[in-house]
C-alpha cells in the first residue's frame, strides 16, 4: 500500500470512529427529538402527547408528522382536524402544534383560524 492510500484509509477510519462516538453520545443523552419527523395518524403516535403533537399540512390528509409543541414565543394553533379515524382530543393539528400544556396557552388576537403565540398561562389571560 502506498503512503497516500494508507493515509486515506487512516483518515476514513478516524471519521468513522468520531461519527460512531457522536451517535453513542446522542443516544446516551436521552434526547427525545428522534420523535420529531416521525410519521403519525394522531398525537398518540408521537409518544408523549404533552411535548409532541401530530401535524398535517392538508385538511384532507390522513397522516402527518410529529412535531414539538410550542413554548413561550412560538407560533401555535388550536385547530384540530377531526376525521372518521380521529374524532377525539388526539386528532392531528393543522399546520403547527398547540403549546406545551399546562404551562403555556395559545393566545390569538384574531379568530380561531389564525395563528397565535404561546404565552405563559395565568388566570388573568386564560387563552384567546
N, C-alpha and C. Protein backbone atom coordinates (compact mmCIF):
# COMPACT_ATOMS: atom_id res chain seq x y z
N UNK A 1 0.84 -1.17 0.00
CA UNK A 1 0.00 0.00 0.00
C UNK A 1 0.88 1.24 0.00
N UNK A 2 0.52 2.17 -0.85
CA UNK A 2 1.30 3.40 -0.90
C UNK A 2 1.00 4.26 0.33
N UNK A 3 1.86 5.23 0.52
CA UNK A 3 1.71 6.11 1.68
C UNK A 3 0.40 6.89 1.60
N UNK A 4 0.05 7.36 0.40
CA UNK A 4 -1.16 8.16 0.23
C UNK A 4 -2.41 7.33 0.50
N UNK A 5 -2.42 6.09 0.01
CA UNK A 5 -3.56 5.21 0.23
C UNK A 5 -3.70 4.89 1.71
N UNK A 6 -2.59 4.65 2.38
CA UNK A 6 -2.61 4.35 3.81
C UNK A 6 -3.15 5.54 4.60
N UNK A 7 -2.72 6.74 4.21
CA UNK A 7 -3.19 7.95 4.87
C UNK A 7 -4.71 8.12 4.69
N UNK A 8 -5.22 7.85 3.49
CA UNK A 8 -6.66 7.96 3.23
C UNK A 8 -7.46 6.95 4.05
N UNK A 9 -6.94 5.73 4.18
CA UNK A 9 -7.63 4.70 4.97
C UNK A 9 -7.65 5.10 6.44
N UNK A 10 -6.54 5.63 6.94
CA UNK A 10 -6.49 6.07 8.34
C UNK A 10 -7.47 7.22 8.58
N UNK A 11 -7.55 8.15 7.64
CA UNK A 11 -8.48 9.27 7.78
C UNK A 11 -9.93 8.78 7.79
N UNK A 12 -10.24 7.83 6.91
CA UNK A 12 -11.58 7.28 6.86
C UNK A 12 -11.94 6.57 8.16
N UNK A 13 -11.02 5.81 8.71
CA UNK A 13 -11.26 5.12 9.99
C UNK A 13 -11.47 6.12 11.12
N UNK A 14 -10.70 7.19 11.11
CA UNK A 14 -10.86 8.22 12.14
C UNK A 14 -12.24 8.87 12.05
N UNK A 15 -12.69 9.16 10.84
CA UNK A 15 -14.01 9.76 10.65
C UNK A 15 -15.10 8.80 11.13
N UNK A 16 -14.97 7.52 10.82
CA UNK A 16 -15.95 6.53 11.26
C UNK A 16 -15.99 6.43 12.78
N UNK A 17 -14.83 6.46 13.42
CA UNK A 17 -14.79 6.38 14.89
C UNK A 17 -15.46 7.61 15.52
N UNK A 18 -15.17 8.79 14.98
CA UNK A 18 -15.75 10.01 15.53
C UNK A 18 -17.26 10.02 15.34
N UNK A 19 -17.73 9.64 14.16
CA UNK A 19 -19.18 9.65 13.93
C UNK A 19 -19.90 8.63 14.79
N UNK A 20 -19.30 7.46 15.01
CA UNK A 20 -19.96 6.47 15.88
C UNK A 20 -19.96 6.95 17.33
N UNK A 21 -18.92 7.66 17.76
CA UNK A 21 -18.89 8.20 19.11
C UNK A 21 -19.97 9.28 19.28
N UNK A 22 -20.17 10.10 18.25
CA UNK A 22 -21.22 11.12 18.31
C UNK A 22 -22.60 10.49 18.40
N UNK A 23 -22.81 9.42 17.65
CA UNK A 23 -24.10 8.72 17.70
C UNK A 23 -24.33 8.14 19.08
N UNK A 24 -23.31 7.55 19.67
CA UNK A 24 -23.44 6.99 21.02
C UNK A 24 -23.73 8.07 22.04
N UNK A 25 -23.04 9.21 21.94
CA UNK A 25 -23.29 10.30 22.89
C UNK A 25 -24.70 10.84 22.75
N UNK A 26 -25.18 10.95 21.53
CA UNK A 26 -26.54 11.46 21.30
C UNK A 26 -27.58 10.51 21.86
N UNK A 27 -27.40 9.21 21.68
CA UNK A 27 -28.39 8.26 22.21
C UNK A 27 -28.29 8.14 23.72
N UNK A 28 -27.12 8.36 24.29
CA UNK A 28 -26.96 8.28 25.74
C UNK A 28 -27.50 9.51 26.45
N UNK A 29 -27.65 10.62 25.71
CA UNK A 29 -28.11 11.85 26.35
C UNK A 29 -29.59 11.81 26.69
N UNK A 30 -30.33 10.84 26.15
CA UNK A 30 -31.75 10.73 26.45
C UNK A 30 -32.60 11.74 25.71
N UNK A 31 -32.06 12.31 24.64
CA UNK A 31 -32.79 13.29 23.86
C UNK A 31 -33.94 12.63 23.12
N UNK A 32 -35.14 13.16 23.25
CA UNK A 32 -36.32 12.56 22.62
C UNK A 32 -36.64 13.17 21.26
N UNK A 33 -35.72 13.97 20.69
CA UNK A 33 -36.02 14.60 19.42
C UNK A 33 -36.07 13.64 18.25
N UNK A 34 -35.81 12.36 18.49
CA UNK A 34 -35.98 11.40 17.41
C UNK A 34 -37.47 11.22 17.09
N UNK A 35 -38.33 11.75 17.93
CA UNK A 35 -39.77 11.70 17.68
C UNK A 35 -40.16 12.68 16.58
N UNK A 36 -39.47 13.83 16.52
CA UNK A 36 -39.79 14.85 15.53
C UNK A 36 -39.55 14.30 14.13
N UNK A 37 -40.54 14.45 13.27
CA UNK A 37 -40.45 13.96 11.91
C UNK A 37 -41.00 12.57 11.70
N UNK A 38 -41.37 11.91 12.77
CA UNK A 38 -41.94 10.56 12.68
C UNK A 38 -43.34 10.62 12.07
N UNK A 39 -43.68 9.64 11.26
CA UNK A 39 -45.00 9.56 10.63
C UNK A 39 -46.05 9.29 11.70
N UNK A 40 -47.22 9.93 11.58
CA UNK A 40 -48.27 9.75 12.59
C UNK A 40 -49.65 9.90 11.97
N UNK A 41 -50.63 9.30 12.63
CA UNK A 41 -52.04 9.50 12.29
C UNK A 41 -52.76 10.31 13.35
N UNK A 42 -52.25 10.25 14.59
CA UNK A 42 -52.81 11.04 15.68
C UNK A 42 -51.67 11.39 16.63
N UNK A 43 -51.93 12.27 17.58
CA UNK A 43 -50.88 12.69 18.51
C UNK A 43 -50.42 11.56 19.42
N UNK A 44 -51.22 10.53 19.58
CA UNK A 44 -50.82 9.38 20.40
C UNK A 44 -49.61 8.68 19.78
N UNK A 45 -49.49 8.73 18.46
CA UNK A 45 -48.35 8.11 17.77
C UNK A 45 -47.04 8.83 18.05
N UNK A 46 -47.10 10.01 18.63
CA UNK A 46 -45.90 10.81 18.87
C UNK A 46 -45.33 10.61 20.27
N UNK A 47 -45.62 9.53 20.93
CA UNK A 47 -45.06 9.14 22.22
C UNK A 47 -45.65 9.95 23.36
N UNK A 48 -45.13 11.13 23.62
CA UNK A 48 -45.55 11.95 24.75
C UNK A 48 -46.45 13.09 24.23
N UNK A 49 -47.75 13.00 24.47
CA UNK A 49 -48.68 13.99 23.91
C UNK A 49 -48.58 15.35 24.59
N UNK A 50 -47.90 15.45 25.72
CA UNK A 50 -47.73 16.76 26.35
C UNK A 50 -46.57 17.53 25.74
N UNK A 51 -45.64 16.85 25.08
CA UNK A 51 -44.48 17.52 24.48
C UNK A 51 -44.51 17.53 22.96
N UNK A 52 -45.27 16.60 22.34
CA UNK A 52 -45.31 16.48 20.89
C UNK A 52 -46.74 16.39 20.41
N UNK A 53 -46.95 16.69 19.14
CA UNK A 53 -48.27 16.50 18.53
C UNK A 53 -48.10 16.11 17.08
N UNK A 54 -49.17 15.59 16.51
CA UNK A 54 -49.19 15.21 15.10
C UNK A 54 -49.69 16.41 14.30
N UNK A 55 -48.96 16.77 13.24
CA UNK A 55 -49.30 17.93 12.43
C UNK A 55 -49.50 17.50 10.98
N UNK A 56 -50.60 17.95 10.39
CA UNK A 56 -50.83 17.72 8.96
C UNK A 56 -50.84 19.07 8.25
N UNK A 57 -50.50 19.06 6.97
CA UNK A 57 -50.45 20.31 6.21
C UNK A 57 -51.61 20.45 5.24
N UNK A 58 -52.47 19.45 5.21
CA UNK A 58 -53.64 19.47 4.33
C UNK A 58 -54.82 18.93 5.13
N UNK A 59 -55.93 19.66 5.19
CA UNK A 59 -57.07 19.18 5.98
C UNK A 59 -57.62 17.83 5.53
N UNK A 60 -57.37 17.44 4.29
CA UNK A 60 -57.86 16.16 3.80
C UNK A 60 -56.84 15.04 3.96
N UNK A 61 -55.68 15.33 4.50
CA UNK A 61 -54.64 14.31 4.66
C UNK A 61 -55.01 13.33 5.76
N UNK A 62 -54.62 12.10 5.59
CA UNK A 62 -54.88 11.05 6.58
C UNK A 62 -53.76 10.96 7.61
N UNK A 63 -52.56 11.40 7.25
CA UNK A 63 -51.43 11.29 8.18
C UNK A 63 -50.54 12.52 8.07
N UNK A 64 -49.68 12.66 9.08
CA UNK A 64 -48.78 13.81 9.14
C UNK A 64 -47.47 13.42 9.78
N UNK A 65 -46.80 14.39 10.39
CA UNK A 65 -45.53 14.14 11.06
C UNK A 65 -45.58 14.70 12.48
N UNK A 66 -44.81 14.09 13.35
CA UNK A 66 -44.73 14.55 14.74
C UNK A 66 -43.88 15.80 14.83
N UNK A 67 -44.32 16.75 15.62
CA UNK A 67 -43.57 17.99 15.86
C UNK A 67 -43.60 18.29 17.34
N UNK A 68 -42.66 19.11 17.77
CA UNK A 68 -42.57 19.52 19.17
C UNK A 68 -43.59 20.63 19.43
N UNK A 69 -44.27 20.57 20.57
CA UNK A 69 -45.22 21.62 20.95
C UNK A 69 -44.47 22.91 21.26
N UNK A 70 -45.14 24.04 21.03
CA UNK A 70 -44.52 25.34 21.20
C UNK A 70 -44.34 25.74 22.66
N UNK A 71 -43.30 26.52 22.89
CA UNK A 71 -43.07 27.12 24.20
C UNK A 71 -43.23 28.63 24.05
N UNK A 72 -42.88 29.39 25.06
CA UNK A 72 -43.14 30.82 25.05
C UNK A 72 -42.55 31.51 23.82
N UNK A 73 -43.40 32.25 23.11
CA UNK A 73 -42.97 32.99 21.94
C UNK A 73 -43.11 32.25 20.62
N UNK A 74 -43.38 30.96 20.64
CA UNK A 74 -43.53 30.18 19.41
C UNK A 74 -44.93 30.36 18.84
N UNK A 75 -45.03 30.25 17.50
CA UNK A 75 -46.35 30.27 16.87
C UNK A 75 -47.10 29.00 17.22
N UNK A 76 -48.43 29.10 17.28
CA UNK A 76 -49.23 27.95 17.67
C UNK A 76 -50.60 28.01 17.01
N UNK A 77 -51.33 26.93 17.12
CA UNK A 77 -52.69 26.85 16.63
C UNK A 77 -53.50 25.97 17.57
N UNK A 78 -54.80 26.08 17.48
CA UNK A 78 -55.68 25.21 18.26
C UNK A 78 -56.59 24.40 17.35
N UNK A 79 -56.32 24.43 16.05
CA UNK A 79 -57.19 23.77 15.08
C UNK A 79 -56.88 22.28 14.97
N UNK A 80 -57.77 21.48 15.53
CA UNK A 80 -57.69 20.03 15.36
C UNK A 80 -58.44 19.64 14.10
N UNK A 81 -57.89 18.68 13.37
CA UNK A 81 -58.56 18.18 12.16
C UNK A 81 -59.12 16.81 12.49
N UNK A 82 -60.40 16.79 12.76
CA UNK A 82 -61.04 15.52 13.13
C UNK A 82 -61.58 14.83 11.89
N UNK A 83 -61.44 13.51 11.86
CA UNK A 83 -61.98 12.71 10.76
C UNK A 83 -62.58 11.43 11.34
N UNK A 84 -62.96 10.53 10.49
CA UNK A 84 -63.61 9.30 10.99
C UNK A 84 -62.67 8.43 11.81
N UNK A 85 -61.35 8.56 11.60
CA UNK A 85 -60.38 7.78 12.37
C UNK A 85 -60.00 8.45 13.68
N UNK A 86 -59.97 9.77 13.71
CA UNK A 86 -59.53 10.52 14.89
C UNK A 86 -60.54 11.59 15.24
N UNK A 87 -61.58 11.23 15.93
CA UNK A 87 -62.59 12.20 16.34
C UNK A 87 -62.49 12.41 17.84
N UNK A 88 -61.28 12.77 18.30
CA UNK A 88 -61.06 12.95 19.73
C UNK A 88 -59.99 14.03 19.96
N UNK A 89 -59.55 14.17 21.19
CA UNK A 89 -58.56 15.20 21.52
C UNK A 89 -57.18 14.91 20.96
N UNK A 90 -56.93 13.69 20.49
CA UNK A 90 -55.62 13.34 19.94
C UNK A 90 -55.58 13.47 18.43
N UNK A 91 -56.60 14.07 17.84
CA UNK A 91 -56.62 14.29 16.39
C UNK A 91 -55.44 15.19 16.01
N UNK A 92 -54.98 15.09 14.77
CA UNK A 92 -53.84 15.92 14.36
C UNK A 92 -54.20 17.40 14.27
N UNK A 93 -53.19 18.24 14.45
CA UNK A 93 -53.35 19.68 14.32
C UNK A 93 -53.07 20.09 12.88
N UNK A 94 -53.61 21.22 12.47
CA UNK A 94 -53.40 21.73 11.12
C UNK A 94 -52.26 22.75 11.13
N UNK A 95 -51.22 22.49 10.39
CA UNK A 95 -50.05 23.34 10.13
C UNK A 95 -49.03 23.41 11.26
N UNK A 96 -49.43 23.46 12.50
CA UNK A 96 -48.46 23.51 13.61
C UNK A 96 -49.13 23.05 14.90
N UNK A 97 -48.33 22.83 15.92
CA UNK A 97 -48.82 22.30 17.20
C UNK A 97 -49.42 23.40 18.08
N UNK A 98 -50.12 22.95 19.09
CA UNK A 98 -50.53 23.84 20.18
C UNK A 98 -49.33 24.00 21.11
N UNK A 99 -49.51 24.70 22.20
CA UNK A 99 -48.41 24.94 23.14
C UNK A 99 -48.24 23.78 24.11
N UNK A 100 -47.07 23.76 24.77
CA UNK A 100 -46.83 22.80 25.84
C UNK A 100 -47.80 23.12 26.96
N UNK A 101 -48.57 22.14 27.38
CA UNK A 101 -49.57 22.38 28.41
C UNK A 101 -49.19 21.66 29.69
N UNK A 102 -49.52 22.15 30.83
CA UNK A 102 -50.38 23.31 31.11
C UNK A 102 -49.62 24.62 31.28
N UNK A 103 -48.32 24.66 30.99
CA UNK A 103 -47.54 25.87 31.24
C UNK A 103 -47.89 27.03 30.32
N UNK A 104 -48.16 26.74 29.05
CA UNK A 104 -48.39 27.80 28.07
C UNK A 104 -49.76 27.65 27.42
N UNK A 105 -50.27 28.76 26.92
CA UNK A 105 -51.55 28.76 26.24
C UNK A 105 -51.37 29.50 24.91
N UNK A 106 -52.12 29.07 23.91
CA UNK A 106 -52.05 29.71 22.59
C UNK A 106 -52.95 30.94 22.59
N UNK A 107 -52.35 32.11 22.63
CA UNK A 107 -53.12 33.36 22.69
C UNK A 107 -53.26 33.93 21.28
N UNK A 108 -54.51 34.05 20.83
CA UNK A 108 -54.81 34.56 19.50
C UNK A 108 -55.47 35.93 19.62
N UNK A 109 -55.02 36.87 18.80
CA UNK A 109 -55.64 38.19 18.82
C UNK A 109 -56.78 38.27 17.81
N UNK A 110 -56.76 37.38 16.81
CA UNK A 110 -57.85 37.33 15.83
C UNK A 110 -58.67 36.08 16.09
N UNK A 111 -59.33 35.58 15.06
CA UNK A 111 -60.23 34.45 15.22
C UNK A 111 -59.53 33.11 15.38
N UNK A 112 -60.33 32.08 15.47
CA UNK A 112 -59.85 30.72 15.70
C UNK A 112 -58.99 30.19 14.56
N UNK A 113 -59.22 30.67 13.34
CA UNK A 113 -58.49 30.16 12.18
C UNK A 113 -57.14 30.83 11.97
N UNK A 114 -56.75 31.75 12.82
CA UNK A 114 -55.46 32.41 12.71
C UNK A 114 -54.48 31.83 13.73
N UNK A 115 -53.19 31.99 13.43
CA UNK A 115 -52.16 31.50 14.34
C UNK A 115 -52.06 32.42 15.55
N UNK A 116 -51.61 31.83 16.66
CA UNK A 116 -51.41 32.58 17.88
C UNK A 116 -49.96 32.49 18.31
N UNK A 117 -49.68 32.99 19.50
CA UNK A 117 -48.35 32.96 20.09
C UNK A 117 -48.47 32.29 21.46
N UNK A 118 -47.56 31.36 21.74
CA UNK A 118 -47.57 30.70 23.05
C UNK A 118 -47.15 31.69 24.12
N UNK A 119 -47.96 31.82 25.15
CA UNK A 119 -47.67 32.70 26.27
C UNK A 119 -47.85 31.94 27.57
N UNK A 120 -47.13 32.39 28.59
CA UNK A 120 -47.22 31.75 29.89
C UNK A 120 -48.65 31.86 30.41
N UNK A 121 -49.19 30.77 30.90
CA UNK A 121 -50.58 30.73 31.35
C UNK A 121 -50.73 31.41 32.70
N UNK A 122 -51.67 32.37 32.78
CA UNK A 122 -52.05 32.98 34.05
C UNK A 122 -53.57 33.01 34.10
N UNK A 123 -54.11 33.14 35.27
CA UNK A 123 -55.57 33.17 35.39
C UNK A 123 -56.16 34.43 34.77
N UNK A 124 -55.36 35.51 34.67
CA UNK A 124 -55.85 36.75 34.09
C UNK A 124 -55.98 36.65 32.57
N UNK A 125 -55.16 35.78 31.95
CA UNK A 125 -55.18 35.64 30.49
C UNK A 125 -55.36 34.16 30.17
N UNK A 126 -56.57 33.72 30.14
CA UNK A 126 -56.85 32.29 30.01
C UNK A 126 -57.06 31.85 28.57
N UNK A 127 -56.26 32.35 27.67
CA UNK A 127 -56.36 31.89 26.29
C UNK A 127 -56.79 32.99 25.35
N UNK A 128 -57.25 32.59 24.17
CA UNK A 128 -57.59 33.59 23.17
C UNK A 128 -59.00 33.61 22.89
